[in-house]
């Protein structure tokens, strides 16, 4: 499928579609999601957003855990 065809199916202009392809941050999330839906790739976004697939965030959360845990006193 050509970029022009993909842009047409996604309902965006060719320049906007090119921005999506290159990861331009100026493209709105709604336009990006719309393009993924029209191209049948929305499931990939869902998978990418699952917490277990974000190792960087998991490592960040682990680093935020306290190093020592104090015991409760009776």
N, C-alpha and C. Protein backbone atom coordinates (compact mmCIF):
# COMPACT_ATOMS: atom_id res chain seq x y z
N UNK A 1 0.85 -1.16 0.00
CA UNK A 1 0.00 0.00 0.00
C UNK A 1 0.90 1.24 0.00
N UNK A 2 0.56 2.18 -0.85
CA UNK A 2 1.36 3.40 -0.92
C UNK A 2 1.01 4.32 0.24
N UNK A 3 1.89 5.27 0.50
CA UNK A 3 1.65 6.23 1.57
C UNK A 3 0.40 7.06 1.28
N UNK A 4 0.17 7.39 0.01
CA UNK A 4 -1.02 8.16 -0.36
C UNK A 4 -2.28 7.36 -0.08
N UNK A 5 -2.26 6.06 -0.38
CA UNK A 5 -3.41 5.20 -0.08
C UNK A 5 -3.65 5.10 1.42
N UNK A 6 -2.58 4.91 2.17
CA UNK A 6 -2.70 4.80 3.63
C UNK A 6 -3.22 6.10 4.22
N UNK A 7 -2.75 7.23 3.71
CA UNK A 7 -3.22 8.53 4.19
C UNK A 7 -4.71 8.68 3.90
N UNK A 8 -5.12 8.32 2.70
CA UNK A 8 -6.53 8.41 2.33
C UNK A 8 -7.41 7.53 3.20
N UNK A 9 -6.98 6.30 3.45
CA UNK A 9 -7.75 5.39 4.30
C UNK A 9 -7.82 5.89 5.73
N UNK A 10 -6.76 6.58 6.16
CA UNK A 10 -6.70 7.08 7.53
C UNK A 10 -7.44 8.40 7.70
N UNK A 11 -7.79 9.02 6.59
CA UNK A 11 -8.50 10.29 6.65
C UNK A 11 -7.62 11.48 6.99
N UNK A 12 -6.34 11.38 6.64
CA UNK A 12 -5.42 12.48 6.89
C UNK A 12 -4.72 12.84 5.59
N UNK A 13 -4.11 14.01 5.57
CA UNK A 13 -3.37 14.43 4.38
C UNK A 13 -2.06 13.65 4.30
N UNK A 14 -1.49 13.63 3.12
CA UNK A 14 -0.22 12.93 2.93
C UNK A 14 0.89 13.52 3.81
N UNK A 15 1.00 14.87 3.90
CA UNK A 15 2.04 15.41 4.79
C UNK A 15 1.84 14.98 6.26
N UNK A 16 0.58 14.93 6.71
CA UNK A 16 0.32 14.48 8.08
C UNK A 16 0.68 13.01 8.24
N UNK A 17 0.36 12.21 7.23
CA UNK A 17 0.70 10.79 7.30
C UNK A 17 2.22 10.62 7.36
N UNK A 18 2.94 11.41 6.60
CA UNK A 18 4.41 11.35 6.64
C UNK A 18 4.92 11.70 8.04
N UNK A 19 4.26 12.67 8.68
CA UNK A 19 4.64 13.02 10.05
C UNK A 19 4.42 11.84 11.00
N UNK A 20 3.31 11.12 10.80
CA UNK A 20 3.03 9.94 11.62
C UNK A 20 4.14 8.91 11.41
N UNK A 21 4.51 8.69 10.16
CA UNK A 21 5.55 7.70 9.84
C UNK A 21 6.89 8.04 10.48
N UNK A 22 7.20 9.33 10.55
CA UNK A 22 8.50 9.74 11.08
C UNK A 22 8.48 9.98 12.59
N UNK A 23 7.29 9.84 13.21
CA UNK A 23 7.20 10.03 14.65
C UNK A 23 7.20 11.47 15.09
N UNK A 24 6.76 12.36 14.23
CA UNK A 24 6.70 13.79 14.55
C UNK A 24 5.76 14.00 15.75
N UNK A 25 6.26 14.61 16.83
CA UNK A 25 5.42 14.79 18.02
C UNK A 25 4.30 15.81 17.86
N UNK A 26 4.27 16.54 16.75
CA UNK A 26 3.21 17.54 16.56
C UNK A 26 1.89 16.91 16.11
N UNK A 27 1.91 15.62 15.74
CA UNK A 27 0.68 14.93 15.34
C UNK A 27 -0.12 14.60 16.59
N UNK A 28 -1.40 14.96 16.57
CA UNK A 28 -2.22 14.72 17.75
C UNK A 28 -2.44 13.23 17.96
N UNK A 29 -2.66 12.87 19.20
CA UNK A 29 -2.88 11.47 19.54
C UNK A 29 -4.12 10.92 18.84
N UNK A 30 -5.15 11.75 18.72
CA UNK A 30 -6.37 11.32 18.04
C UNK A 30 -6.13 10.96 16.59
N UNK A 31 -5.34 11.75 15.89
CA UNK A 31 -5.02 11.48 14.49
C UNK A 31 -4.19 10.20 14.39
N UNK A 32 -3.25 10.05 15.31
CA UNK A 32 -2.40 8.86 15.32
C UNK A 32 -3.24 7.60 15.55
N UNK A 33 -4.13 7.64 16.53
CA UNK A 33 -4.98 6.49 16.83
C UNK A 33 -5.92 6.19 15.66
N UNK A 34 -6.45 7.24 15.05
CA UNK A 34 -7.33 7.05 13.89
C UNK A 34 -6.59 6.34 12.76
N UNK A 35 -5.36 6.74 12.51
CA UNK A 35 -4.56 6.10 11.46
C UNK A 35 -4.30 4.64 11.80
N UNK A 36 -3.97 4.36 13.06
CA UNK A 36 -3.74 2.97 13.46
C UNK A 36 -5.00 2.12 13.28
N UNK A 37 -6.15 2.69 13.64
CA UNK A 37 -7.41 1.95 13.52
C UNK A 37 -7.70 1.62 12.06
N UNK A 38 -7.55 2.59 11.18
CA UNK A 38 -7.85 2.38 9.76
C UNK A 38 -6.89 1.39 9.11
N UNK A 39 -5.68 1.31 9.63
CA UNK A 39 -4.69 0.39 9.06
C UNK A 39 -4.70 -0.97 9.75
N UNK A 40 -5.61 -1.15 10.71
CA UNK A 40 -5.72 -2.42 11.42
C UNK A 40 -4.61 -2.67 12.42
N UNK A 41 -4.00 -1.59 12.92
CA UNK A 41 -2.88 -1.73 13.84
C UNK A 41 -3.19 -1.25 15.25
N UNK A 42 -4.44 -0.99 15.54
CA UNK A 42 -4.79 -0.46 16.86
C UNK A 42 -4.45 -1.45 17.97
N UNK A 43 -4.55 -2.74 17.69
CA UNK A 43 -4.18 -3.75 18.69
C UNK A 43 -2.73 -3.64 19.12
N UNK A 44 -1.87 -3.22 18.20
CA UNK A 44 -0.45 -3.04 18.54
C UNK A 44 -0.28 -1.94 19.58
N UNK A 45 -1.08 -0.88 19.47
CA UNK A 45 -1.00 0.20 20.45
C UNK A 45 -1.48 -0.29 21.80
N UNK A 46 -2.56 -1.05 21.80
CA UNK A 46 -3.06 -1.60 23.07
C UNK A 46 -2.00 -2.45 23.75
N UNK A 47 -1.32 -3.27 22.97
CA UNK A 47 -0.26 -4.12 23.53
C UNK A 47 0.88 -3.28 24.08
N UNK A 48 1.23 -2.23 23.37
CA UNK A 48 2.34 -1.38 23.80
C UNK A 48 2.01 -0.63 25.08
N UNK A 49 0.74 -0.37 25.33
CA UNK A 49 0.34 0.38 26.51
C UNK A 49 0.13 -0.49 27.75
N UNK A 50 0.21 -1.80 27.60
CA UNK A 50 0.05 -2.68 28.75
C UNK A 50 1.24 -2.49 29.68
N UNK A 51 0.98 -2.36 30.98
CA UNK A 51 2.07 -2.10 31.93
C UNK A 51 3.20 -3.13 31.87
N UNK A 52 2.85 -4.41 31.62
CA UNK A 52 3.91 -5.41 31.62
C UNK A 52 4.86 -5.27 30.45
N UNK A 53 4.46 -4.54 29.42
CA UNK A 53 5.35 -4.39 28.26
C UNK A 53 6.27 -3.18 28.39
N UNK A 54 6.09 -2.38 29.44
CA UNK A 54 6.92 -1.19 29.63
C UNK A 54 7.99 -1.46 30.68
N UNK A 55 9.08 -2.04 30.24
CA UNK A 55 10.16 -2.40 31.17
C UNK A 55 10.81 -1.18 31.81
N UNK A 56 10.88 -0.09 31.07
CA UNK A 56 11.48 1.12 31.62
C UNK A 56 10.68 1.65 32.79
N UNK A 57 9.36 1.66 32.65
CA UNK A 57 8.49 2.13 33.73
C UNK A 57 8.58 1.19 34.92
N UNK A 58 8.65 -0.11 34.65
CA UNK A 58 8.77 -1.08 35.74
C UNK A 58 10.07 -0.86 36.51
N UNK A 59 11.16 -0.63 35.80
CA UNK A 59 12.44 -0.39 36.46
C UNK A 59 12.39 0.89 37.28
N UNK A 60 11.72 1.91 36.76
CA UNK A 60 11.57 3.17 37.48
C UNK A 60 10.79 2.95 38.77
N UNK A 61 9.71 2.19 38.70
CA UNK A 61 8.90 1.91 39.89
C UNK A 61 9.69 1.12 40.91
N UNK A 62 10.49 0.17 40.46
CA UNK A 62 11.31 -0.62 41.38
C UNK A 62 12.32 0.28 42.07
N UNK A 63 12.90 1.22 41.34
CA UNK A 63 13.86 2.15 41.93
C UNK A 63 13.22 3.04 42.98
N UNK A 64 11.92 3.28 42.87
CA UNK A 64 11.22 4.14 43.82
C UNK A 64 10.84 3.41 45.11
N UNK A 65 10.94 2.09 45.12
CA UNK A 65 10.60 1.34 46.32
C UNK A 65 11.60 1.66 47.43
N UNK A 66 11.15 1.65 48.66
CA UNK A 66 12.09 1.91 49.76
C UNK A 66 13.12 0.79 49.85
N UNK A 67 14.34 1.16 50.17
CA UNK A 67 15.41 0.18 50.28
C UNK A 67 15.29 -0.63 51.57
N UNK A 68 14.79 0.02 52.60
CA UNK A 68 14.61 -0.66 53.88
C UNK A 68 13.15 -0.54 54.28
N UNK A 69 12.71 -1.56 54.91
CA UNK A 69 11.34 -1.55 55.41
C UNK A 69 11.42 -1.64 56.92
N UNK A 70 10.83 -0.66 57.58
CA UNK A 70 10.88 -0.68 59.05
C UNK A 70 9.82 -1.63 59.59
N UNK A 71 10.16 -2.24 60.70
CA UNK A 71 9.23 -3.16 61.34
C UNK A 71 8.22 -2.37 62.16
N UNK A 72 7.03 -2.91 62.19
CA UNK A 72 6.02 -2.28 63.05
C UNK A 72 6.31 -2.67 64.49
N UNK A 73 6.20 -1.72 65.33
CA UNK A 73 6.41 -1.99 66.76
C UNK A 73 5.07 -2.32 67.39
N UNK A 74 5.08 -3.34 68.25
CA UNK A 74 3.81 -3.71 68.90
C UNK A 74 3.31 -2.69 69.88
